[in-house]
């Protein structure tokens, strides 16, 4: 891995830095600066810098896995998220802000919080208890703690099939997909957790239920934020509650836009009724834009992740055979919110990619590359 890319992962700190910085300038535009940075400046840098097809070499693979630097980056963002929740609650309690400014700060914090779901996603695939704990804390901070349960045990099993609520269908709008995945993913997580607890003869309505743990964890965090605000101004205000749920909604809907983008229209072949071919690197969309991939810890190299879910972000690889998105995730998220534009750009791209019809020998060769 080049030193520029290794150092480049530090750019993920740019968004929380801008959130803090925005509180020390006067004007309507400043609360929106972090969101504008993510959805305007980052895409511009993607176009200027270009794509990144660099993969780690086999001889450096094990060394990169052992480097604590990469662990520190993702662990630290969980605590930055918690710190920002209290920092913004403090600002809301002690400053006189207009409704537009409050909305801007909620939007910007929500954009950063969506990246926390990505960090929790990375940590949730690791087996170490400390990683699992940090993943839960991150997801509790956005009211989405059931994500790891469904994602690891549901999505990775059923991806690119009609069984998966997080796989978007051809010609489905993102708004229809939101309803499908928000309801379906929670139901799936509850069913998965219920089945696991029943096998252990543990009551579903117990504190060993990870879905319930997450719900109570979010309530506890909200209570702490509301109590902190009360302590500062000695009176109850709805602002911490509005802020906490507002940033959570932005984060979750952004995350589900990403799911929509990553799996749009791609299905695995059904070998026999109810049984599908093994997940391979052809079963999700990728974007290989350099700067946005640094900010998102290689989330956009999604095919390698689905082929090898436990592979840490620093060693995820790009392969040309995987279906490629025309832009990085920030642009694709905005595009998904305009269905006519999305269908105009993505439907021909999907059909063109499907027309390649890779035969079994080619697929085996591709899979061997990913091994």
Protein backbone atom coordinates (compact mmCIF):
# COMPACT_ATOMS: atom_id res chain seq x y z
CA UNK A 1 0.00 0.00 0.00
CA UNK A 2 1.32 3.41 -0.94
CA UNK A 3 2.11 5.84 1.86
CA UNK A 4 -0.26 8.39 0.28
CA UNK A 5 -3.18 5.99 0.60
CA UNK A 6 -2.21 4.96 4.12
CA UNK A 7 -2.07 8.58 5.24
CA UNK A 8 -5.10 9.35 3.09
CA UNK A 9 -7.41 7.39 5.40
CA UNK A 10 -6.90 10.24 7.88
CA UNK A 11 -9.16 12.34 5.63
CA UNK A 12 -12.08 10.53 7.30
CA UNK A 13 -11.50 12.97 10.18
CA UNK A 14 -12.26 15.92 7.90
CA UNK A 15 -16.03 15.69 8.35
CA UNK A 16 -16.13 15.81 12.18
CA UNK A 17 -13.48 18.56 12.04
CA UNK A 18 -15.77 20.64 9.80
CA UNK A 19 -18.74 20.00 12.10
CA UNK A 20 -16.83 21.42 15.07
CA UNK A 21 -15.37 24.25 12.99
CA UNK A 22 -18.79 25.31 11.72
CA UNK A 23 -19.87 26.35 15.24
CA UNK A 24 -17.23 29.07 15.38
CA UNK A 25 -18.39 31.03 12.34
CA UNK A 26 -21.44 33.24 12.00
CA UNK A 27 -23.84 32.81 9.10
CA UNK A 28 -26.62 30.62 7.72
CA UNK A 29 -24.32 28.64 5.39
CA UNK A 30 -21.92 27.33 8.05
CA UNK A 31 -24.22 24.72 9.64
CA UNK A 32 -24.62 23.18 6.18
CA UNK A 33 -20.89 23.23 5.39
CA UNK A 34 -20.13 19.60 6.39
CA UNK A 35 -23.03 18.29 4.29
CA UNK A 36 -21.99 20.46 1.34
CA UNK A 37 -18.45 19.17 1.73
CA UNK A 38 -19.64 15.56 1.57
CA UNK A 39 -21.96 15.99 -1.40
CA UNK A 40 -20.26 18.71 -3.45
CA UNK A 41 -16.57 18.98 -2.60
CA UNK A 42 -15.91 15.23 -2.27
CA UNK A 43 -17.42 14.41 -5.69
CA UNK A 44 -15.33 17.19 -7.23
CA UNK A 45 -12.18 15.70 -5.70
CA UNK A 46 -13.23 12.27 -6.98
CA UNK A 47 -13.36 13.66 -10.50
CA UNK A 48 -10.09 15.57 -10.16
CA UNK A 49 -8.08 12.78 -8.52
CA UNK A 50 -9.70 9.93 -10.44
CA UNK A 51 -9.98 6.23 -9.74
CA UNK A 52 -7.81 3.90 -7.70
CA UNK A 53 -7.16 0.39 -9.01
CA UNK A 54 -4.28 -0.28 -6.63
CA UNK A 55 -4.52 -3.56 -4.73
CA UNK A 56 -2.28 -4.66 -1.89
CA UNK A 57 0.50 -7.07 -2.78
CA UNK A 58 0.47 -10.57 -1.31
CA UNK A 59 3.75 -10.00 0.49
CA UNK A 60 2.36 -6.99 2.41
CA UNK A 61 -1.05 -8.51 3.14
CA UNK A 62 -0.28 -9.98 6.57
CA UNK A 63 1.68 -6.92 7.72
CA UNK A 64 -1.26 -4.65 6.88
CA UNK A 65 -3.62 -6.90 8.82
CA UNK A 66 -1.45 -6.54 11.93
CA UNK A 67 -0.99 -2.76 11.81
CA UNK A 68 -2.81 -1.17 14.75
CA UNK A 69 -2.93 2.15 12.88
CA UNK A 70 -5.85 0.90 10.79
CA UNK A 71 -7.69 -0.33 13.90
CA UNK A 72 -7.20 3.00 15.68
CA UNK A 73 -8.81 4.88 12.80
CA UNK A 74 -12.11 3.01 12.95
CA UNK A 75 -12.26 2.65 16.74
CA UNK A 76 -11.66 6.37 17.23
CA UNK A 77 -14.60 7.39 15.06
CA UNK A 78 -17.06 5.67 17.40
CA UNK A 79 -15.95 7.93 20.27
CA UNK A 80 -15.84 11.00 18.05
CA UNK A 81 -19.49 10.31 17.21
CA UNK A 82 -20.44 10.08 20.90
CA UNK A 83 -18.40 13.19 21.66
CA UNK A 84 -20.10 15.13 18.87
CA UNK A 85 -23.55 14.18 20.13
CA UNK A 86 -22.74 15.79 23.49
CA UNK A 87 -20.86 18.70 21.89
CA UNK A 88 -23.82 19.60 19.66
CA UNK A 89 -26.27 19.14 22.54
CA UNK A 90 -24.12 21.61 24.48
CA UNK A 91 -24.21 24.08 21.59
CA UNK A 92 -27.96 23.77 21.21
CA UNK A 93 -28.44 24.39 24.93
CA UNK A 94 -26.10 27.38 25.22
CA UNK A 95 -26.54 29.19 21.88
CA UNK A 96 -29.48 30.98 20.34
CA UNK A 97 -29.90 29.27 16.98
CA UNK A 98 -32.52 29.72 14.30
CA UNK A 99 -34.60 26.77 13.14
CA UNK A 100 -32.66 26.75 9.86
CA UNK A 101 -29.34 26.57 11.70
CA UNK A 102 -30.61 23.71 13.87
CA UNK A 103 -31.72 21.86 10.75
CA UNK A 104 -28.33 22.43 9.15
CA UNK A 105 -26.48 21.01 12.14
CA UNK A 106 -28.80 18.01 12.33
CA UNK A 107 -28.28 17.35 8.62
CA UNK A 108 -24.49 17.66 8.84
CA UNK A 109 -24.24 15.49 11.95
CA UNK A 110 -26.49 12.94 10.24
CA UNK A 111 -24.15 12.81 7.26
CA UNK A 112 -21.24 12.05 9.57
CA UNK A 113 -23.35 9.58 11.57
CA UNK A 114 -24.03 7.65 8.35
CA UNK A 115 -20.29 7.03 8.12
CA UNK A 116 -20.44 5.73 11.70
CA UNK A 117 -22.81 2.99 10.52
CA UNK A 118 -20.13 2.12 7.98
CA UNK A 119 -17.49 2.01 10.74
CA UNK A 120 -19.81 -0.14 12.88
CA UNK A 121 -20.32 -2.36 9.85
CA UNK A 122 -16.56 -2.82 9.57
CA UNK A 123 -16.17 -3.61 13.29
CA UNK A 124 -19.28 -5.77 13.41
CA UNK A 125 -17.66 -8.27 11.05
CA UNK A 126 -14.76 -8.78 13.44
CA UNK A 127 -14.82 -11.46 16.11
CA UNK A 128 -12.91 -9.60 18.83
CA UNK A 129 -15.26 -8.59 21.71
CA UNK A 130 -13.85 -5.04 21.72
CA UNK A 131 -14.71 -4.62 18.05
CA UNK A 132 -18.20 -6.01 18.65
CA UNK A 133 -18.71 -3.63 21.58
CA UNK A 134 -17.67 -0.61 19.53
CA UNK A 135 -19.94 -1.68 16.68
CA UNK A 136 -22.89 -1.82 19.08
CA UNK A 137 -22.08 1.61 20.56
CA UNK A 138 -21.86 3.15 17.10
CA UNK A 139 -25.19 1.68 16.03
CA UNK A 140 -26.88 2.62 19.30
CA UNK A 141 -25.91 6.24 18.54
CA UNK A 142 -28.11 6.15 15.41
CA UNK A 143 -30.95 3.93 16.69
CA UNK A 144 -30.01 1.10 14.32
CA UNK A 145 -28.47 -1.53 16.56
CA UNK A 146 -30.31 -4.42 14.87
CA UNK A 147 -28.19 -3.77 11.76
CA UNK A 148 -25.31 -6.09 12.72
CA UNK A 149 -27.69 -8.96 13.54
CA UNK A 150 -29.48 -8.77 10.20
CA UNK A 151 -26.49 -7.74 8.09
CA UNK A 152 -24.11 -10.47 9.24
CA UNK A 153 -26.57 -13.35 9.54
CA UNK A 154 -29.22 -12.29 7.04
CA UNK A 155 -27.93 -9.98 4.32
CA UNK A 156 -24.67 -11.82 3.73
CA UNK A 157 -26.58 -15.09 3.39
CA UNK A 158 -29.43 -13.85 1.20
CA UNK A 159 -27.84 -10.98 -0.74
CA UNK A 160 -28.85 -10.72 -4.42
CA UNK A 161 -31.93 -12.88 -3.88
CA UNK A 162 -35.63 -12.03 -3.37
CA UNK A 163 -35.21 -13.17 0.27
CA UNK A 164 -33.00 -10.19 1.12
CA UNK A 165 -34.77 -6.99 2.22
CA UNK A 166 -31.53 -5.05 1.63
CA UNK A 167 -31.30 -5.99 -2.07
CA UNK A 168 -33.02 -3.48 -4.34
CA UNK A 169 -34.98 -4.69 -7.34
CA UNK A 170 -34.69 -3.61 -10.97
CA UNK A 171 -36.87 -0.52 -11.58
CA UNK A 172 -37.56 -0.12 -7.84
CA UNK A 173 -37.30 3.44 -6.54
CA UNK A 174 -35.20 4.18 -3.50
CA UNK A 175 -38.35 5.37 -1.70
CA UNK A 176 -40.03 2.01 -2.23
CA UNK A 177 -36.78 0.34 -1.18
CA UNK A 178 -36.67 2.33 2.07
CA UNK A 179 -40.03 0.84 3.08
CA UNK A 180 -38.87 -2.64 2.08
CA UNK A 181 -35.55 -2.53 3.90
CA UNK A 182 -36.47 -0.55 7.02
CA UNK A 183 -39.37 -2.85 7.87
CA UNK A 184 -37.94 -6.02 6.36
CA UNK A 185 -34.50 -5.70 7.94
CA UNK A 186 -35.91 -5.17 11.43
CA UNK A 187 -38.28 -8.13 11.03
CA UNK A 188 -35.41 -10.25 9.75
CA UNK A 189 -33.14 -9.25 12.67
CA UNK A 190 -35.90 -10.04 15.17
CA UNK A 191 -36.57 -13.44 13.56
CA UNK A 192 -32.84 -14.29 13.50
CA UNK A 193 -32.36 -13.30 17.14
CA UNK A 194 -35.55 -15.10 18.19
CA UNK A 195 -34.37 -18.33 16.52
CA UNK A 196 -30.93 -18.14 18.13
CA UNK A 197 -32.35 -17.52 21.61
CA UNK A 198 -34.89 -20.32 21.29
CA UNK A 199 -32.09 -22.75 20.42
CA UNK A 200 -30.41 -21.76 23.69
CA UNK A 201 -33.69 -22.00 25.64
CA UNK A 202 -33.55 -18.28 26.41
CA UNK A 203 -36.70 -16.16 26.46
CA UNK A 204 -37.00 -13.79 23.51
CA UNK A 205 -37.97 -10.93 25.81
CA UNK A 206 -34.71 -10.91 27.74
CA UNK A 207 -31.65 -8.71 27.99
CA UNK A 208 -29.71 -11.32 26.03
CA UNK A 209 -31.71 -10.29 22.97
CA UNK A 210 -29.29 -8.11 20.96
CA UNK A 211 -32.14 -6.28 19.22
CA UNK A 212 -33.64 -5.27 22.57
CA UNK A 213 -30.18 -4.39 23.89
CA UNK A 214 -29.82 -1.93 21.04
CA UNK A 215 -33.23 -0.35 21.63
CA UNK A 216 -32.56 0.15 25.35
CA UNK A 217 -29.05 1.39 24.57
CA UNK A 218 -30.43 4.12 22.31
CA UNK A 219 -32.99 5.10 24.95
CA UNK A 220 -30.21 5.32 27.55
CA UNK A 221 -28.06 7.51 25.30
CA UNK A 222 -31.01 9.78 24.54
CA UNK A 223 -31.73 10.05 28.26
CA UNK A 224 -28.12 11.05 28.93
CA UNK A 225 -28.22 13.73 26.21
CA UNK A 226 -31.54 15.10 27.50
CA UNK A 227 -30.25 15.06 31.10
CA UNK A 228 -27.05 16.82 30.00
CA UNK A 229 -29.10 19.58 28.36
CA UNK A 230 -31.28 19.90 31.48
CA UNK A 231 -28.16 20.18 33.64
CA UNK A 232 -26.81 23.01 31.46
CA UNK A 233 -29.92 25.21 31.36
CA UNK A 234 -31.97 23.83 34.28
CA UNK A 235 -35.06 23.25 32.15
CA UNK A 236 -36.42 20.58 29.84
CA UNK A 237 -36.21 21.18 26.08
CA UNK A 238 -37.19 19.02 23.12
CA UNK A 239 -34.09 20.00 21.14
CA UNK A 240 -31.87 17.08 22.26
CA UNK A 241 -34.63 14.62 21.35
CA UNK A 242 -35.24 16.25 17.98
CA UNK A 243 -31.50 16.36 17.33
CA UNK A 244 -30.86 12.73 18.33
CA UNK A 245 -33.67 11.28 16.23
CA UNK A 246 -33.04 13.74 13.39
CA UNK A 247 -29.39 12.79 12.93
CA UNK A 248 -30.38 9.13 13.26
CA UNK A 249 -32.95 9.43 10.46
CA UNK A 250 -30.45 11.12 8.13
CA UNK A 251 -27.83 8.47 8.95
CA UNK A 252 -30.15 5.48 8.47
CA UNK A 253 -31.72 6.73 5.25
CA UNK A 254 -28.25 7.50 3.88
CA UNK A 255 -27.11 3.98 4.79
CA UNK A 256 -30.12 2.46 3.07
CA UNK A 257 -29.42 4.59 -0.02
CA UNK A 258 -26.02 2.90 -0.03
CA UNK A 259 -27.63 -0.55 0.19
CA UNK A 260 -29.89 0.44 -2.70
CA UNK A 261 -26.90 1.51 -4.77
CA UNK A 262 -24.71 -1.47 -3.94
CA UNK A 263 -27.19 -4.14 -4.97
CA UNK A 264 -29.50 -2.51 -7.51
CA UNK A 265 -30.94 -5.06 -9.92
CA UNK A 266 -28.33 -7.78 -9.36
CA UNK A 267 -29.60 -11.29 -8.65
CA UNK A 268 -27.86 -14.59 -8.13
CA UNK A 269 -28.91 -17.52 -10.28
CA UNK A 270 -31.42 -19.89 -8.68
CA UNK A 271 -29.94 -23.38 -9.05
CA UNK A 272 -32.94 -25.25 -7.64
CA UNK A 273 -36.08 -23.76 -6.07
CA UNK A 274 -34.99 -21.79 -3.02
CA UNK A 275 -31.25 -22.49 -3.50
CA UNK A 276 -28.96 -19.95 -5.15
CA UNK A 277 -25.45 -19.96 -6.53
CA UNK A 278 -22.70 -19.01 -4.11
CA UNK A 279 -22.06 -15.29 -3.67
CA UNK A 280 -19.19 -14.22 -5.90
CA UNK A 281 -17.49 -10.91 -6.81
CA UNK A 282 -20.04 -10.23 -9.56
CA UNK A 283 -22.97 -9.81 -7.18
CA UNK A 284 -22.67 -6.16 -6.10
CA UNK A 285 -21.84 -2.78 -7.58
CA UNK A 286 -18.51 -1.09 -6.95
CA UNK A 287 -17.10 2.41 -7.17
CA UNK A 288 -13.37 2.85 -7.24
CA UNK A 289 -13.05 6.60 -6.80
CA UNK A 290 -9.97 7.39 -4.76
CA UNK A 291 -11.05 10.15 -2.38
CA UNK A 292 -14.53 8.91 -1.45
CA UNK A 293 -13.08 5.44 -0.87
CA UNK A 294 -10.66 6.91 1.66
CA UNK A 295 -13.49 8.67 3.49
CA UNK A 296 -15.56 5.48 3.51
CA UNK A 297 -12.78 3.04 4.42
CA UNK A 298 -13.04 1.19 1.09
CA UNK A 299 -16.77 0.56 1.50
CA UNK A 300 -17.12 1.08 -2.25
CA UNK A 301 -15.02 -2.05 -2.89
CA UNK A 302 -18.12 -3.97 -2.01
CA UNK A 303 -17.71 -7.12 -4.10
CA UNK A 304 -14.56 -8.20 -2.32
CA UNK A 305 -16.33 -7.55 0.99
CA UNK A 306 -19.22 -9.84 0.05
CA UNK A 307 -16.87 -12.54 -1.18
CA UNK A 308 -14.86 -12.33 2.07
CA UNK A 309 -16.91 -10.60 4.75
CA UNK A 310 -14.24 -10.72 7.47
CA UNK A 311 -11.55 -9.08 5.31
CA UNK A 312 -10.57 -5.72 6.91
CA UNK A 313 -11.02 -2.55 4.91
CA UNK A 314 -7.32 -1.84 4.34
CA UNK A 315 -6.87 -4.99 2.24
CA UNK A 316 -10.11 -4.95 0.22
CA UNK A 317 -9.41 -5.19 -3.51
CA UNK A 318 -10.73 -3.85 -6.78
CA UNK A 319 -11.43 -6.07 -9.79
CA UNK A 320 -12.52 -4.84 -13.18
CA UNK A 321 -14.96 -7.71 -13.71
CA UNK A 322 -17.26 -6.52 -10.91
CA UNK A 323 -20.05 -4.16 -12.04
CA UNK A 324 -18.81 -0.58 -11.77
CA UNK A 325 -20.75 2.53 -10.79
CA UNK A 326 -20.20 5.68 -12.86
CA UNK A 327 -19.58 7.88 -9.78
CA UNK A 328 -18.68 7.57 -6.12
CA UNK A 329 -21.33 7.03 -3.45
CA UNK A 330 -22.02 10.73 -2.68
CA UNK A 331 -23.13 11.39 -6.28
CA UNK A 332 -24.93 8.05 -6.52
CA UNK A 333 -26.89 8.78 -3.32
CA UNK A 334 -28.10 12.10 -4.74
CA UNK A 335 -28.90 10.41 -8.05
CA UNK A 336 -30.93 7.69 -6.31
CA UNK A 337 -33.18 10.39 -4.81
CA UNK A 338 -34.22 11.36 -8.36
CA UNK A 339 -35.65 8.08 -9.76
CA UNK A 340 -36.00 9.19 -13.43
CA UNK A 341 -32.33 10.20 -13.50
CA UNK A 342 -31.31 7.01 -11.66
CA UNK A 343 -33.16 4.75 -14.10
CA UNK A 344 -31.82 6.67 -17.10
CA UNK A 345 -28.22 6.23 -15.96
CA UNK A 346 -28.30 2.86 -14.22
CA UNK A 347 -30.76 0.71 -16.20
CA UNK A 348 -28.71 0.73 -19.43
CA UNK A 349 -25.56 0.18 -17.36
CA UNK A 350 -27.16 -2.80 -15.61
CA UNK A 351 -28.41 -4.31 -18.87
CA UNK A 352 -25.04 -3.78 -20.55
CA UNK A 353 -23.24 -5.50 -17.68
CA UNK A 354 -25.72 -8.41 -17.67
CA UNK A 355 -25.24 -8.87 -21.42
CA UNK A 356 -21.64 -9.92 -20.82
CA UNK A 357 -22.99 -13.26 -19.53
CA UNK A 358 -19.86 -14.63 -17.91
CA UNK A 359 -19.66 -18.41 -18.37
CA UNK A 360 -18.88 -20.75 -15.46
CA UNK A 361 -15.17 -21.04 -16.33
CA UNK A 362 -14.80 -17.25 -16.37
CA UNK A 363 -16.61 -16.95 -13.04
CA UNK A 364 -14.33 -19.59 -11.52
CA UNK A 365 -11.32 -17.63 -12.77
CA UNK A 366 -12.68 -14.42 -11.23
CA UNK A 367 -13.38 -16.15 -7.93
CA UNK A 368 -9.85 -17.57 -7.87
CA UNK A 369 -8.51 -14.02 -8.25
CA UNK A 370 -10.44 -13.03 -5.14
CA UNK A 371 -9.21 -15.98 -3.09
